[in-house]
Amino acid sequence: MSQDLVSDVLKRAEECMHHAQESLGHDLAAIRTGRASPALLDKIRVDYYGVPTPLPQVAAISVPEPRTLVIQPWDRSVLGAIEKAILKSDLGLTPTSDGKLVRLNIPPLTEERRKDLVKLTKRRVEEGRVHVRNCRRDALEELKKLEKDKKISEDDSRRGQERLQKQTEAAIAEIDRAGLRKEQEVLEV
């Protein structure tokens, strides 16, 4: 029974850490590199009939060339709103429209912009690490409470803490690898 309680705590901690990794993956995908990626536009909200709506929900986004994104709205009346939303975003891109679709040309990154994006990547990676450590802290508190309430033995608690530490180290290592991959992608000329 006490092993089941420890396993439940570790399973919840693992799910929490996995969520942190997924969240970081989405954040890193939205960081612009020299290549065009539809994920760049995931966080952009378009004013669609008075409702802020994610851009991918109002238009099809394609990558016809490595440095070009094409946005084709399902409703042409939203073209202007898409252009405004892109201009307001922190992407630093200027949309061009032909009345049917919006084109975004992704210019090569300057050295200064690359350094800024690497800093942003490092900040997001650190936020991911903090999230994982918070998951560990919560699980540790839960294990200690179970031990204090005599629901698990001291040995079970210690073994659970050791397994939790290994989970944490593995999750942080994966987050670091994702950060390094993104940094290399950003610095790639």
C-alpha atoms as a PDB file:
ATOM      1  CA  MET A   1       0.000   0.000   0.000  1.00  0.00           C
ATOM      2  CA  SER A   2       2.729   2.501   0.938  1.00  0.00           C
ATOM      3  CA  GLN A   3       4.496   1.761  -2.367  1.00  0.00           C
ATOM      4  CA  ASP A   4       1.281   2.659  -4.187  1.00  0.00           C
ATOM      5  CA  LEU A   5       1.168   6.021  -2.410  1.00  0.00           C
ATOM      6  CA  VAL A   6       4.798   6.731  -3.319  1.00  0.00           C
ATOM      7  CA  SER A   7       4.182   5.635  -6.922  1.00  0.00           C
ATOM      8  CA  ASP A   8       1.160   7.945  -7.165  1.00  0.00           C
ATOM      9  CA  VAL A   9       3.203  10.909  -5.937  1.00  0.00           C
ATOM     10  CA  LEU A  10       6.013  10.114  -8.392  1.00  0.00           C
ATOM     11  CA  LYS A  11       3.553   9.665 -11.261  1.00  0.00           C
ATOM     12  CA  ARG A  12       1.967  13.071 -10.592  1.00  0.00           C
ATOM     13  CA  ALA A  13       5.419  14.656 -10.386  1.00  0.00           C
ATOM     14  CA  GLU A  14       6.414  13.034 -13.679  1.00  0.00           C
ATOM     15  CA  GLU A  15       3.237  14.331 -15.369  1.00  0.00           C
ATOM     16  CA  CYS A  16       3.921  17.809 -14.001  1.00  0.00           C
ATOM     17  CA  MET A  17       7.510  17.697 -15.313  1.00  0.00           C
ATOM     18  CA  HIS A  18       6.323  16.407 -18.688  1.00  0.00           C
ATOM     19  CA  HIS A  19       3.874  19.311 -18.880  1.00  0.00           C
ATOM     20  CA  ALA A  20       6.771  21.716 -18.178  1.00  0.00           C
ATOM     21  CA  GLN A  21       8.762  20.152 -21.032  1.00  0.00           C
ATOM     22  CA  GLU A  22       5.827  20.400 -23.452  1.00  0.00           C
ATOM     23  CA  SER A  23       5.182  24.001 -22.474  1.00  0.00           C
ATOM     24  CA  LEU A  24       8.832  24.857 -23.077  1.00  0.00           C
ATOM     25  CA  GLY A  25       8.659  23.136 -26.465  1.00  0.00           C
ATOM     26  CA  HIS A  26       5.741  25.374 -27.486  1.00  0.00           C
ATOM     27  CA  ASP A  27       7.538  28.477 -26.201  1.00  0.00           C
ATOM     28  CA  LEU A  28      10.723  27.622 -28.077  1.00  0.00           C
ATOM     29  CA  ALA A  29       8.831  26.876 -31.297  1.00  0.00           C
ATOM     30  CA  ALA A  30       7.462  30.419 -31.216  1.00  0.00           C
ATOM     31  CA  ILE A  31      10.970  31.936 -31.137  1.00  0.00           C
ATOM     32  CA  ARG A  32      11.868  33.086 -34.618  1.00  0.00           C
ATOM     33  CA  THR A  33      14.852  31.606 -36.380  1.00  0.00           C
ATOM     34  CA  GLY A  34      16.099  32.299 -39.884  1.00  0.00           C
ATOM     35  CA  ARG A  35      13.607  29.750 -41.216  1.00  0.00           C
ATOM     36  CA  ALA A  36       9.873  30.180 -41.699  1.00  0.00           C
ATOM     37  CA  SER A  37       7.737  28.132 -39.334  1.00  0.00           C
ATOM     38  CA  PRO A  38       3.944  28.271 -38.848  1.00  0.00           C
ATOM     39  CA  ALA A  39       4.602  27.974 -35.084  1.00  0.00           C
ATOM     40  CA  LEU A  40       5.831  31.598 -35.194  1.00  0.00           C
ATOM     41  CA  LEU A  41       2.219  32.694 -35.543  1.00  0.00           C
ATOM     42  CA  ASP A  42       0.653  30.446 -32.873  1.00  0.00           C
ATOM     43  CA  LYS A  43       0.515  33.151 -30.198  1.00  0.00           C
ATOM     44  CA  ILE A  44      -0.828  35.906 -32.451  1.00  0.00           C
ATOM     45  CA  ARG A  45      -4.431  36.851 -31.704  1.00  0.00           C
ATOM     46  CA  VAL A  46      -6.612  38.324 -34.448  1.00  0.00           C
ATOM     47  CA  ASP A  47      -9.645  40.481 -33.713  1.00  0.00           C
ATOM     48  CA  TYR A  48     -12.270  38.281 -35.364  1.00  0.00           C
ATOM     49  CA  TYR A  49     -15.686  39.921 -35.037  1.00  0.00           C
ATOM     50  CA  GLY A  50     -14.670  41.445 -31.707  1.00  0.00           C
ATOM     51  CA  VAL A  51     -13.207  38.226 -30.288  1.00  0.00           C
ATOM     52  CA  PRO A  52      -9.418  37.786 -29.952  1.00  0.00           C
ATOM     53  CA  THR A  53      -8.894  34.526 -31.833  1.00  0.00           C
ATOM     54  CA  PRO A  54      -5.631  32.610 -32.431  1.00  0.00           C
ATOM     55  CA  LEU A  55      -4.437  33.194 -35.990  1.00  0.00           C
ATOM     56  CA  PRO A  56      -4.296  29.450 -36.868  1.00  0.00           C
ATOM     57  CA  GLN A  57      -8.065  29.266 -36.159  1.00  0.00           C
ATOM     58  CA  VAL A  58      -8.977  31.898 -38.776  1.00  0.00           C
ATOM     59  CA  ALA A  59      -6.527  31.029 -41.548  1.00  0.00           C
ATOM     60  CA  ALA A  60      -4.479  28.326 -43.202  1.00  0.00           C
ATOM     61  CA  ILE A  61      -0.743  28.876 -42.790  1.00  0.00           C
ATOM     62  CA  SER A  62       1.720  27.357 -45.251  1.00  0.00           C
ATOM     63  CA  VAL A  63       5.456  27.515 -45.944  1.00  0.00           C
ATOM     64  CA  PRO A  64       5.936  27.577 -49.739  1.00  0.00           C
ATOM     65  CA  GLU A  65       9.621  28.575 -49.425  1.00  0.00           C
ATOM     66  CA  PRO A  66      12.134  28.325 -46.545  1.00  0.00           C
ATOM     67  CA  ARG A  67      11.861  32.065 -45.774  1.00  0.00           C
ATOM     68  CA  THR A  68       8.199  32.716 -46.602  1.00  0.00           C
ATOM     69  CA  LEU A  69       4.939  32.151 -44.757  1.00  0.00           C
ATOM     70  CA  VAL A  70       1.617  32.408 -46.556  1.00  0.00           C
ATOM     71  CA  ILE A  71      -1.532  33.053 -44.538  1.00  0.00           C
ATOM     72  CA  GLN A  72      -4.803  32.367 -46.321  1.00  0.00           C
ATOM     73  CA  PRO A  73      -7.831  33.401 -44.250  1.00  0.00           C
ATOM     74  CA  TRP A  74     -11.009  31.406 -44.572  1.00  0.00           C
ATOM     75  CA  ASP A  75     -12.941  34.677 -44.427  1.00  0.00           C
ATOM     76  CA  ARG A  76     -11.412  37.459 -46.569  1.00  0.00           C
ATOM     77  CA  SER A  77     -12.962  40.154 -44.376  1.00  0.00           C
ATOM     78  CA  VAL A  78     -10.403  39.311 -41.693  1.00  0.00           C
ATOM     79  CA  LEU A  79      -7.344  40.102 -43.895  1.00  0.00           C
ATOM     80  CA  GLY A  80      -6.896  43.595 -42.425  1.00  0.00           C
ATOM     81  CA  ALA A  81      -7.189  42.297 -38.872  1.00  0.00           C
ATOM     82  CA  ILE A  82      -4.528  39.646 -39.597  1.00  0.00           C
ATOM     83  CA  GLU A  83      -2.148  42.315 -40.925  1.00  0.00           C
ATOM     84  CA  LYS A  84      -2.746  44.532 -37.879  1.00  0.00           C
ATOM     85  CA  ALA A  85      -2.195  41.635 -35.468  1.00  0.00           C
ATOM     86  CA  ILE A  86       1.117  40.717 -37.135  1.00  0.00           C
ATOM     87  CA  LEU A  87       2.299  44.326 -37.095  1.00  0.00           C
ATOM     88  CA  LYS A  88       1.377  44.660 -33.394  1.00  0.00           C
ATOM     89  CA  SER A  89       3.214  41.428 -32.477  1.00  0.00           C
ATOM     90  CA  ASP A  90       6.846  41.353 -31.375  1.00  0.00           C
ATOM     91  CA  LEU A  91       7.903  39.336 -34.438  1.00  0.00           C
ATOM     92  CA  GLY A  92       9.270  42.375 -36.252  1.00  0.00           C
ATOM     93  CA  LEU A  93       7.788  41.230 -39.574  1.00  0.00           C
ATOM     94  CA  THR A  94       5.921  43.306 -42.153  1.00  0.00           C
ATOM     95  CA  PRO A  95       3.028  41.537 -43.874  1.00  0.00           C
ATOM     96  CA  THR A  96       2.142  42.099 -47.532  1.00  0.00           C
ATOM     97  CA  SER A  97      -1.346  41.410 -48.812  1.00  0.00           C
ATOM     98  CA  ASP A  98      -2.761  40.927 -52.308  1.00  0.00           C
ATOM     99  CA  GLY A  99      -6.416  40.964 -51.226  1.00  0.00           C
ATOM    100  CA  LYS A 100      -6.638  37.173 -50.985  1.00  0.00           C
ATOM    101  CA  LEU A 101      -3.741  36.189 -48.758  1.00  0.00           C
ATOM    102  CA  VAL A 102      -0.978  37.612 -46.590  1.00  0.00           C
ATOM    103  CA  ARG A 103       2.684  36.912 -47.232  1.00  0.00           C
ATOM    104  CA  LEU A 104       5.376  37.166 -44.587  1.00  0.00           C
ATOM    105  CA  ASN A 105       8.954  37.227 -45.781  1.00  0.00           C
ATOM    106  CA  ILE A 106      11.326  36.147 -43.036  1.00  0.00           C
ATOM    107  CA  PRO A 107      14.505  38.210 -43.400  1.00  0.00           C
ATOM    108  CA  PRO A 108      17.830  36.735 -42.338  1.00  0.00           C
ATOM    109  CA  LEU A 109      18.538  37.530 -38.691  1.00  0.00           C
ATOM    110  CA  THR A 110      21.157  40.101 -37.786  1.00  0.00           C
ATOM    111  CA  GLU A 111      23.914  39.108 -35.375  1.00  0.00           C
ATOM    112  CA  GLU A 112      22.429  41.374 -32.682  1.00  0.00           C
ATOM    113  CA  ARG A 113      18.950  39.872 -33.110  1.00  0.00           C
ATOM    114  CA  ARG A 114      20.425  36.364 -32.914  1.00  0.00           C
ATOM    115  CA  LYS A 115      22.078  37.236 -29.592  1.00  0.00           C
ATOM    116  CA  ASP A 116      18.765  38.620 -28.287  1.00  0.00           C
ATOM    117  CA  LEU A 117      16.968  35.430 -29.341  1.00  0.00           C
ATOM    118  CA  VAL A 118      19.623  33.283 -27.619  1.00  0.00           C
ATOM    119  CA  LYS A 119      19.069  35.305 -24.422  1.00  0.00           C
ATOM    120  CA  LEU A 120      15.313  34.803 -24.774  1.00  0.00           C
ATOM    121  CA  THR A 121      15.867  31.075 -25.307  1.00  0.00           C
ATOM    122  CA  LYS A 122      18.033  30.854 -22.183  1.00  0.00           C
ATOM    123  CA  ARG A 123      15.370  32.708 -20.170  1.00  0.00           C
ATOM    124  CA  ARG A 124      12.625  30.335 -21.369  1.00  0.00           C
ATOM    125  CA  VAL A 125      14.824  27.306 -20.590  1.00  0.00           C
ATOM    126  CA  GLU A 126      15.446  28.626 -17.077  1.00  0.00           C
ATOM    127  CA  GLU A 127      11.688  29.113 -16.607  1.00  0.00           C
ATOM    128  CA  GLY A 128      11.242  25.466 -17.652  1.00  0.00           C
ATOM    129  CA  ARG A 129      13.853  24.353 -15.104  1.00  0.00           C
ATOM    130  CA  VAL A 130      12.099  26.361 -12.384  1.00  0.00           C
ATOM    131  CA  HIS A 131       8.781  24.712 -13.273  1.00  0.00           C
ATOM    132  CA  VAL A 132      10.377  21.262 -12.993  1.00  0.00           C
ATOM    133  CA  ARG A 133      11.962  22.155  -9.651  1.00  0.00           C
ATOM    134  CA  ASN A 134       8.560  23.361  -8.416  1.00  0.00           C
ATOM    135  CA  CYS A 135       7.090  19.980  -9.389  1.00  0.00           C
ATOM    136  CA  ARG A 136       9.867  18.288  -7.399  1.00  0.00           C
ATOM    137  CA  ARG A 137       9.281  20.543  -4.388  1.00  0.00           C
ATOM    138  CA  ASP A 138       5.550  19.772  -4.358  1.00  0.00           C
ATOM    139  CA  ALA A 139       6.202  16.025  -4.602  1.00  0.00           C
ATOM    140  CA  LEU A 140       8.813  16.177  -1.821  1.00  0.00           C
ATOM    141  CA  GLU A 141       6.349  17.977   0.446  1.00  0.00           C
ATOM    142  CA  GLU A 142       3.741  15.338  -0.327  1.00  0.00           C
ATOM    143  CA  LEU A 143       6.174  12.490   0.465  1.00  0.00           C
ATOM    144  CA  LYS A 144       7.202  14.123   3.752  1.00  0.00           C
ATOM    145  CA  LYS A 145       3.566  14.641   4.708  1.00  0.00           C
ATOM    146  CA  LEU A 146       2.781  10.984   3.988  1.00  0.00           C
ATOM    147  CA  GLU A 147       5.753   9.960   6.133  1.00  0.00           C
ATOM    148  CA  LYS A 148       4.725  12.331   8.943  1.00  0.00           C
ATOM    149  CA  ASP A 149       1.169  10.973   8.855  1.00  0.00           C
ATOM    150  CA  LYS A 150       2.663   7.435   9.105  1.00  0.00           C
ATOM    151  CA  LYS A 151       1.106   6.394   5.786  1.00  0.00           C
ATOM    152  CA  ILE A 152       4.532   5.438   4.416  1.00  0.00           C
ATOM    153  CA  SER A 153       7.724   4.339   6.159  1.00  0.00           C
ATOM    154  CA  GLU A 154      10.863   6.436   6.390  1.00  0.00           C
ATOM    155  CA  ASP A 155      12.626   4.023   4.012  1.00  0.00           C
ATOM    156  CA  ASP A 156       9.830   4.280   1.436  1.00  0.00           C
ATOM    157  CA  SER A 157       9.981   8.064   1.703  1.00  0.00           C
ATOM    158  CA  ARG A 158      13.752   8.081   1.206  1.00  0.00           C
ATOM    159  CA  ARG A 159      13.552   5.720  -1.796  1.00  0.00           C
ATOM    160  CA  GLY A 160      10.751   7.864  -3.258  1.00  0.00           C
ATOM    161  CA  GLN A 161      12.854  10.990  -2.814  1.00  0.00           C
ATOM    162  CA  GLU A 162      15.794   9.335  -4.579  1.00  0.00           C
ATOM    163  CA  ARG A 163      13.576   8.302  -7.517  1.00  0.00           C
ATOM    164  CA  LEU A 164      12.084  11.793  -7.588  1.00  0.00           C
ATOM    165  CA  GLN A 165      15.576  13.306  -7.785  1.00  0.00           C
ATOM    166  CA  LYS A 166      16.414  11.041 -10.745  1.00  0.00           C
ATOM    167  CA  GLN A 167      13.169  12.067 -12.494  1.00  0.00           C
ATOM    168  CA  THR A 168      14.021  15.712 -11.893  1.00  0.00           C
ATOM    169  CA  GLU A 169      17.549  15.349 -13.237  1.00  0.00           C
ATOM    170  CA  ALA A 170      16.254  13.581 -16.360  1.00  0.00           C
ATOM    171  CA  ALA A 171      13.602  16.264 -16.977  1.00  0.00           C
ATOM    172  CA  ILE A 172      16.099  19.111 -16.535  1.00  0.00           C
ATOM    173  CA  ALA A 173      18.593  17.359 -18.841  1.00  0.00           C
ATOM    174  CA  GLU A 174      15.874  17.093 -21.531  1.00  0.00           C
ATOM    175  CA  ILE A 175      14.996  20.778 -21.081  1.00  0.00           C
ATOM    176  CA  ASP A 176      18.676  21.711 -21.424  1.00  0.00           C
ATOM    177  CA  ARG A 177      18.961  19.632 -24.617  1.00  0.00           C
ATOM    178  CA  ALA A 178      15.903  21.373 -26.091  1.00  0.00           C
ATOM    179  CA  GLY A 179      17.419  24.748 -25.218  1.00  0.00           C
ATOM    180  CA  LEU A 180      20.745  23.866 -26.849  1.00  0.00           C
ATOM    181  CA  ARG A 181      18.982  22.666 -30.014  1.00  0.00           C
ATOM    182  CA  LYS A 182      17.071  25.952 -30.210  1.00  0.00           C
ATOM    183  CA  GLU A 183      20.198  28.033 -29.610  1.00  0.00           C
ATOM    184  CA  GLN A 184      21.994  26.192 -32.421  1.00  0.00           C
ATOM    185  CA  GLU A 185      18.969  26.747 -34.669  1.00  0.00           C
ATOM    186  CA  VAL A 186      18.975  30.487 -33.891  1.00  0.00           C
ATOM    187  CA  LEU A 187      22.731  30.840 -34.443  1.00  0.00           C
ATOM    188  CA  GLU A 188      22.637  28.859 -37.701  1.00  0.00           C
ATOM    189  CA  VAL A 189      23.312  31.265 -40.575  1.00  0.00           C
END
